[in-house]
Amino acid sequence: MSETRPEWAPASIDLDRPSSARVWDYFLGGSHNFAVDRRVAEAAIAFKPDLPELARQVRMFLHRAVRTAAAAGVDQFLDIGAGVPTMGPVHETARRSRPSARVVYVDHDPVAVAHGEAMLAADGAAAFIQADARSPHAILDHPKVRDLIDFDRPVAVLLCSLLHFVSDADDPAGIVATLRETMAPGSYLVIQHATHDHQPRETISMLEMWNANSPEPMYWRGAEQIEKIFEGFTLLDPGVVLLPLWRPEPQEAARAKENPERYASYAAVAVKPGASG
């Protein structure tokens, strides 16, 4: 029997079908998830107990990347696969140094969208839209995106915890290439991507369990495959590295070097070349 529908959950949502966005929200300690999401999350944690810490590390990387782009003068952000906005959303992070920053969040999950729309209802410089990353033209041409993002100026496109949900058949590199064509020189590309590199059998078993129980299977990739996704961009130092090793804060630097493979993720930030001045 299905659980009672919360007031914040749109009527169209199937409470018996798990969602990666809501599972991630559970990992981050959020409340916008259902029993079915918690069951999948706990089953994954049984294989890999540090998954909540992985979620925290991804969020910390996202914050560092946003601050890096903002410090370079970028004041427009397109966060695709944003999930349920929690733990310091992008617009709050960006506006600490760029008060006028404009942000559009994108996700295909109705709960993430409903929560995001409610959170941003009074914010004229931020929006949350429902769209699928596998249809990048639909995102780029969306009226809210066009209202808030001026693609004639640099923009930071954020793809965290997203491309490992895109199959080879759906061509993640092609999706990024489509986005790149619209991005002005000087734009930033931010990617975090799960990997099977250096992973023990327990982690691979977790992936197999996830893919057997979730309608959103994952497609983990190696470092060389991930580097190819950045074609047409110039990687910032230190390049494609294990997640916690991308420019950790001084207070996190020592800890970042302690078995960084355990997070089963690579991260990188790149710039589209050709900016004038």
Protein backbone atom coordinates (compact mmCIF):
# COMPACT_ATOMS: atom_id res chain seq x y z
CA MET A 1 0.00 0.00 0.00
CA SER A 2 1.29 3.47 -0.90
CA GLU A 3 2.20 5.94 1.83
CA THR A 4 0.08 9.02 2.46
CA ARG A 5 0.90 11.71 -0.09
CA PRO A 6 2.66 14.72 1.51
CA GLU A 7 1.21 18.17 0.77
CA TRP A 8 4.36 19.13 -1.16
CA ALA A 9 4.17 16.12 -3.51
CA PRO A 10 2.40 16.79 -6.84
CA ALA A 11 -0.51 14.46 -7.59
CA SER A 12 1.21 13.18 -10.72
CA ILE A 13 4.07 11.56 -8.78
CA ASP A 14 4.06 7.78 -8.33
CA LEU A 15 4.88 7.25 -4.64
CA ASP A 16 5.92 3.65 -5.36
CA ARG A 17 8.57 4.53 -7.95
CA PRO A 18 12.02 5.60 -6.70
CA SER A 19 13.80 8.68 -8.02
CA SER A 20 17.54 9.39 -8.06
CA ALA A 21 16.88 13.04 -7.11
CA ARG A 22 14.92 12.01 -4.01
CA VAL A 23 17.40 9.27 -3.06
CA TRP A 24 20.12 11.93 -3.24
CA ASP A 25 17.99 14.20 -1.06
CA TYR A 26 17.85 11.38 1.51
CA PHE A 27 21.63 10.98 1.41
CA LEU A 28 21.95 14.71 2.13
CA GLY A 29 19.61 14.47 5.11
CA GLY A 30 16.66 16.10 3.34
CA SER A 31 12.97 15.39 3.87
CA HIS A 32 11.71 15.44 0.27
CA ASN A 33 11.76 11.70 -0.32
CA PHE A 34 9.38 8.76 -0.03
CA ALA A 35 9.54 5.31 1.57
CA VAL A 36 10.50 3.72 -1.74
CA ASP A 37 13.40 6.18 -2.10
CA ARG A 38 14.57 5.46 1.43
CA ARG A 39 14.49 1.71 0.82
CA VAL A 40 16.69 2.04 -2.27
CA ALA A 41 18.99 4.47 -0.44
CA GLU A 42 19.39 2.19 2.58
CA ALA A 43 20.02 -0.83 0.35
CA ALA A 44 22.78 1.14 -1.40
CA ILE A 45 24.23 2.28 1.93
CA ALA A 46 24.39 -1.35 3.03
CA PHE A 47 26.88 -1.94 0.20
CA LYS A 48 28.64 1.43 0.51
CA PRO A 49 28.17 3.07 3.92
CA ASP A 50 29.87 6.33 2.92
CA LEU A 51 27.24 7.31 0.32
CA PRO A 52 25.90 10.17 2.49
CA GLU A 53 29.46 11.48 2.75
CA LEU A 54 29.78 11.16 -1.04
CA ALA A 55 26.68 13.34 -1.42
CA ARG A 56 28.26 15.92 0.90
CA GLN A 57 31.51 15.83 -1.07
CA VAL A 58 29.66 16.42 -4.35
CA ARG A 59 27.90 19.41 -2.83
CA MET A 60 31.21 20.79 -1.53
CA PHE A 61 32.79 20.41 -4.99
CA LEU A 62 29.81 22.19 -6.55
CA HIS A 63 30.26 25.09 -4.13
CA ARG A 64 33.98 25.34 -4.93
CA ALA A 65 33.31 25.25 -8.67
CA VAL A 66 30.59 27.92 -8.45
CA ARG A 67 32.89 30.17 -6.41
CA THR A 68 35.67 29.65 -8.98
CA ALA A 69 33.40 30.68 -11.86
CA ALA A 70 32.00 33.63 -9.91
CA ALA A 71 35.52 34.82 -9.05
CA ALA A 72 36.27 34.85 -12.78
CA GLY A 73 33.30 37.17 -13.37
CA VAL A 74 30.59 34.68 -14.31
CA ASP A 75 27.17 35.75 -13.03
CA GLN A 76 24.92 33.28 -14.89
CA PHE A 77 24.48 29.64 -13.90
CA LEU A 78 22.57 26.77 -15.51
CA ASP A 79 22.36 23.84 -13.09
CA ILE A 80 21.16 20.77 -15.03
CA GLY A 81 20.18 17.75 -12.94
CA ALA A 82 19.93 20.02 -9.91
CA GLY A 83 17.85 17.66 -7.77
CA VAL A 84 16.03 18.89 -4.69
CA PRO A 85 17.74 22.21 -3.80
CA THR A 86 19.34 21.77 -0.40
CA MET A 87 22.58 22.35 1.53
CA GLY A 88 23.45 25.70 0.00
CA PRO A 89 21.81 25.98 -3.42
CA VAL A 90 23.72 27.51 -6.30
CA HIS A 91 22.03 30.92 -6.25
CA GLU A 92 22.97 31.45 -2.60
CA THR A 93 26.58 30.39 -3.20
CA ALA A 94 27.00 32.50 -6.34
CA ARG A 95 25.44 35.62 -4.84
CA ARG A 96 27.93 35.78 -2.01
CA SER A 97 30.37 37.24 -4.54
CA ARG A 98 27.98 38.06 -7.42
CA PRO A 99 24.84 39.55 -5.81
CA SER A 100 23.12 39.94 -9.18
CA ALA A 101 23.75 36.33 -10.27
CA ARG A 102 21.00 34.69 -12.29
CA VAL A 103 20.40 30.96 -11.94
CA VAL A 104 18.19 28.43 -13.69
CA TYR A 105 17.83 24.98 -12.16
CA VAL A 106 16.76 22.03 -14.31
CA ASP A 107 15.54 18.59 -13.30
CA HIS A 108 13.15 15.99 -14.67
CA ASP A 109 11.86 15.00 -11.22
CA PRO A 110 8.52 16.67 -10.35
CA VAL A 111 9.30 16.76 -6.60
CA ALA A 112 12.56 18.60 -7.21
CA VAL A 113 10.77 21.03 -9.51
CA ALA A 114 7.85 21.62 -7.15
CA HIS A 115 10.14 22.27 -4.21
CA GLY A 116 12.40 24.50 -6.31
CA GLU A 117 9.51 26.53 -7.68
CA ALA A 118 8.19 27.12 -4.17
CA MET A 119 11.63 28.12 -2.89
CA LEU A 120 12.21 30.57 -5.75
CA ALA A 121 8.67 31.97 -6.05
CA ALA A 122 9.73 35.44 -4.89
CA ASP A 123 13.12 35.44 -6.65
CA GLY A 124 12.97 37.19 -10.00
CA ALA A 125 16.55 36.25 -10.89
CA ALA A 126 16.23 32.49 -10.42
CA ALA A 127 13.92 29.80 -11.78
CA PHE A 128 13.41 26.05 -11.71
CA ILE A 129 12.20 24.20 -14.79
CA GLN A 130 11.25 20.60 -15.52
CA ALA A 131 13.20 19.17 -18.46
CA ASP A 132 15.28 16.16 -19.43
CA ALA A 133 19.03 16.58 -19.90
CA ARG A 134 18.85 14.19 -22.85
CA SER A 135 17.00 16.94 -24.74
CA PRO A 136 19.44 19.85 -24.41
CA HIS A 137 17.76 21.98 -27.09
CA ALA A 138 14.54 21.91 -25.06
CA ILE A 139 16.48 23.29 -22.10
CA LEU A 140 18.35 25.94 -24.07
CA ASP A 141 15.17 27.12 -25.80
CA HIS A 142 12.98 27.12 -22.69
CA PRO A 143 11.38 30.55 -22.15
CA LYS A 144 12.58 30.82 -18.54
CA VAL A 145 16.11 29.96 -19.57
CA ARG A 146 16.04 32.53 -22.35
CA ASP A 147 14.57 35.14 -19.98
CA LEU A 148 17.32 34.74 -17.39
CA ILE A 149 20.40 33.54 -19.27
CA ASP A 150 22.12 35.64 -21.92
CA PHE A 151 24.14 33.13 -23.95
CA ASP A 152 26.06 35.94 -25.60
CA ARG A 153 27.89 36.28 -22.28
CA PRO A 154 29.75 33.62 -20.27
CA VAL A 155 27.62 31.15 -18.35
CA ALA A 156 28.54 28.32 -16.01
CA VAL A 157 26.83 25.04 -16.89
CA LEU A 158 26.77 22.62 -13.96
CA LEU A 159 26.40 18.88 -14.58
CA CYS A 160 26.88 17.24 -11.19
CA SER A 161 25.58 13.72 -10.52
CA LEU A 162 23.95 13.78 -13.93
CA LEU A 163 25.93 12.31 -16.82
CA HIS A 164 26.33 8.92 -15.15
CA PHE A 165 22.56 8.59 -15.58
CA VAL A 166 22.92 9.12 -19.34
CA SER A 167 23.52 5.97 -21.38
CA ASP A 168 26.07 5.70 -24.17
CA ALA A 169 23.13 5.44 -26.57
CA ASP A 170 21.94 8.87 -25.40
CA ASP A 171 25.44 10.24 -26.05
CA PRO A 172 26.58 12.29 -23.04
CA ALA A 173 29.43 13.82 -25.05
CA GLY A 174 26.92 14.87 -27.71
CA ILE A 175 24.73 16.51 -25.08
CA VAL A 176 27.70 18.51 -23.80
CA ALA A 177 28.70 19.42 -27.37
CA THR A 178 25.20 20.83 -27.97
CA LEU A 179 25.49 22.92 -24.82
CA ARG A 180 28.98 24.04 -25.82
CA GLU A 181 27.77 25.38 -29.15
CA THR A 182 25.45 27.79 -27.34
CA MET A 183 27.90 28.81 -24.61
CA ALA A 184 29.93 31.98 -25.16
CA PRO A 185 33.74 31.93 -24.93
CA GLY A 186 34.78 32.24 -21.31
CA SER A 187 31.92 29.99 -20.17
CA TYR A 188 32.53 27.32 -17.54
CA LEU A 189 31.63 23.62 -17.62
CA VAL A 190 31.45 21.79 -14.28
CA ILE A 191 31.14 17.99 -14.17
CA GLN A 192 31.12 15.37 -11.43
CA HIS A 193 30.79 11.82 -12.74
CA ALA A 194 30.72 8.42 -11.02
CA THR A 195 33.43 5.94 -11.95
CA HIS A 196 34.26 2.25 -11.65
CA ASP A 197 38.01 3.04 -11.65
CA HIS A 198 39.82 1.75 -8.54
CA GLN A 199 36.59 0.37 -7.06
CA PRO A 200 36.29 -2.77 -4.89
CA ARG A 201 33.77 -5.50 -5.55
CA GLU A 202 31.41 -4.14 -2.87
CA THR A 203 31.01 -0.87 -4.77
CA ILE A 204 30.38 -2.64 -8.07
CA SER A 205 27.78 -4.79 -6.27
CA MET A 206 26.07 -1.59 -5.08
CA LEU A 207 25.91 -0.38 -8.68
CA GLU A 208 24.42 -3.70 -9.79
CA MET A 209 21.85 -3.54 -6.98
CA TRP A 210 20.92 0.03 -7.93
CA ASN A 211 20.49 -0.84 -11.59
CA ALA A 212 18.32 -3.81 -10.68
CA ASN A 213 16.00 -1.76 -8.46
CA SER A 214 15.89 1.74 -9.93
CA PRO A 215 14.12 2.98 -13.08
CA GLU A 216 17.14 5.28 -13.52
CA PRO A 217 20.18 3.04 -14.12
CA MET A 218 23.70 4.41 -13.83
CA TYR A 219 26.48 4.21 -16.39
CA TRP A 220 29.80 4.65 -14.62
CA ARG A 221 32.78 5.62 -16.79
CA GLY A 222 36.56 5.72 -16.60
CA ALA A 223 38.79 8.79 -16.51
CA GLU A 224 39.58 8.72 -20.24
CA GLN A 225 35.90 8.54 -21.16
CA ILE A 226 35.12 11.46 -18.88
CA GLU A 227 37.98 13.54 -20.25
CA LYS A 228 36.57 13.11 -23.76
CA ILE A 229 33.33 14.74 -22.63
CA PHE A 230 35.32 17.97 -22.15
CA GLU A 231 36.29 18.13 -25.84
CA GLY A 232 36.31 21.76 -27.00
CA PHE A 233 36.99 23.07 -23.48
CA THR A 234 40.22 23.84 -21.65
CA LEU A 235 40.48 22.01 -18.34
CA LEU A 236 41.47 24.05 -15.32
CA ASP A 237 44.14 22.65 -13.01
CA PRO A 238 44.23 20.01 -11.64
CA GLY A 239 42.23 18.52 -14.54
CA VAL A 240 39.99 15.46 -14.16
CA VAL A 241 40.74 14.20 -10.66
CA LEU A 242 39.12 12.14 -7.95
CA LEU A 243 36.28 14.13 -6.41
CA PRO A 244 37.78 15.50 -3.17
CA LEU A 245 41.07 16.41 -4.90
CA TRP A 246 39.59 19.20 -7.02
CA ARG A 247 40.89 22.32 -5.26
CA PRO A 248 39.91 21.35 -1.70
CA GLU A 249 39.61 24.09 0.88
CA PRO A 250 42.72 24.38 3.09
CA GLN A 251 40.91 22.84 6.05
CA GLU A 252 39.85 19.87 3.89
CA ALA A 253 43.15 19.32 2.05
CA ALA A 254 44.64 16.68 4.33
CA ARG A 255 41.41 14.73 4.57
CA ALA A 256 40.91 14.92 0.79
CA LYS A 257 44.04 12.86 0.27
CA GLU A 258 42.83 10.04 2.52
CA ASN A 259 41.59 7.32 0.16
CA PRO A 260 39.90 9.66 -2.35
CA GLU A 261 38.93 6.59 -4.41
CA ARG A 262 36.25 5.74 -1.87
CA TYR A 263 33.91 8.33 -3.40
CA ALA A 264 33.93 6.55 -6.80
CA SER A 265 33.79 9.88 -8.62
CA TYR A 266 35.82 12.20 -10.80
CA ALA A 267 35.37 15.96 -10.93
CA ALA A 268 36.62 18.71 -13.20
CA VAL A 269 36.01 22.30 -14.28
CA ALA A 270 36.81 23.65 -17.74
CA VAL A 271 36.50 26.89 -19.70
CA LYS A 272 35.40 27.40 -23.28
CA PRO A 273 38.37 29.09 -24.96
CA GLY A 274 38.35 32.17 -27.13
CA ALA A 275 37.29 34.86 -24.67
CA SER A 276 38.42 38.32 -25.68
CA GLY A 277 40.28 40.63 -23.38
